[in-house]
Protein backbone atom coordinates (compact mmCIF):
# COMPACT_ATOMS: atom_id res chain seq x y z
CA MET A 1 0.29 -0.37 0.11
CA VAL A 2 1.44 3.62 -0.35
CA TYR A 3 -0.19 6.45 1.45
CA ALA A 4 -0.73 9.98 1.19
CA LEU A 5 0.00 12.41 3.46
CA GLY A 6 -0.96 16.26 3.68
CA GLY A 7 -0.19 18.62 1.06
CA MET A 8 -0.80 22.07 -0.65
CA GLY A 9 -4.37 22.73 -1.28
CA PRO A 10 -4.94 24.91 -4.36
CA ASP A 11 -4.87 27.84 -2.78
CA THR A 12 -1.67 26.84 -1.19
CA ALA A 13 -3.19 26.03 2.38
CA PRO A 14 -1.40 23.05 4.16
CA GLN A 15 -3.81 19.90 3.73
CA ALA A 16 -4.62 17.44 6.69
CA GLN A 17 -6.02 14.66 4.56
CA VAL A 18 -4.90 10.96 4.62
CA ARG A 19 -5.39 8.71 1.75
CA VAL A 20 -3.99 4.76 1.43
CA TYR A 21 -3.96 3.49 -2.36
CA GLU A 22 -5.02 0.15 -2.50
CA PRO A 23 -3.41 -1.61 -6.24
CA ARG A 24 -5.19 -4.57 -6.20
CA ARG A 25 -8.71 -2.26 -6.15
CA ASP A 26 -6.97 0.61 -7.93
CA CYS A 27 -8.63 3.18 -5.97
CA TRP A 28 -7.38 5.50 -2.94
CA LEU A 29 -9.33 5.48 0.18
CA SER A 30 -9.67 8.60 2.82
CA LEU A 31 -8.07 8.06 6.04
CA PRO A 32 -8.78 9.89 9.60
CA SER A 33 -7.37 13.08 8.61
CA MET A 34 -4.05 14.17 10.56
CA PRO A 35 -4.35 16.46 13.54
CA THR A 36 -2.28 19.53 12.17
CA PRO A 37 -2.39 19.89 8.20
CA CYS A 38 0.96 20.34 6.86
CA TYR A 39 2.97 20.03 3.42
CA GLY A 40 6.63 19.13 2.25
CA ALA A 41 6.78 16.60 5.15
CA SER A 42 9.13 13.64 5.75
CA THR A 43 7.32 10.49 7.14
CA PHE A 44 9.14 7.25 8.05
CA LEU A 45 7.37 4.21 9.18
CA HIS A 46 8.29 2.75 12.55
CA GLY A 47 6.51 -0.72 13.68
CA ASN A 48 2.70 0.33 12.76
CA LYS A 49 2.44 3.81 13.20
CA ILE A 50 3.40 6.75 10.12
CA TYR A 51 5.18 9.50 11.77
CA VAL A 52 5.84 12.71 10.25
CA LEU A 53 8.37 15.58 10.34
CA GLY A 54 9.76 18.64 9.09
CA LYS A 55 6.18 19.88 8.31
CA GLY A 56 5.15 23.27 6.69
CA LEU A 57 2.80 25.27 7.87
CA GLY A 58 0.84 28.16 6.77
CA ASN A 59 0.35 29.49 3.17
CA VAL A 60 3.02 29.68 1.08
CA GLY A 61 4.14 33.14 -0.24
CA ARG A 62 2.68 34.73 2.87
CA GLY A 63 4.72 36.48 5.31
CA LEU A 64 4.84 36.44 9.45
CA ARG A 65 3.82 40.26 11.17
CA VAL A 66 6.02 40.68 13.51
C-alpha cells in the first residue's frame, strides 16, 4: 500500500488529508485526517505507526507579521 499524507491545496493552504492507495482495487481510500495540516513533510514508518516530521505550516508566500 502507498500512503499520501498532507500536501498543499489549490489555495496553497496546508492539508490534513490522509489517503491510502490499494493496488488490488486500483483506488485511493480516505483515512482519518492528521491533527495538524502540513505540506513538504518527511515521513517514516516504525512498527504500525507513520511519523510525520519537518512539516510546513501556513500559506506559501505569506509573510509573518512581527
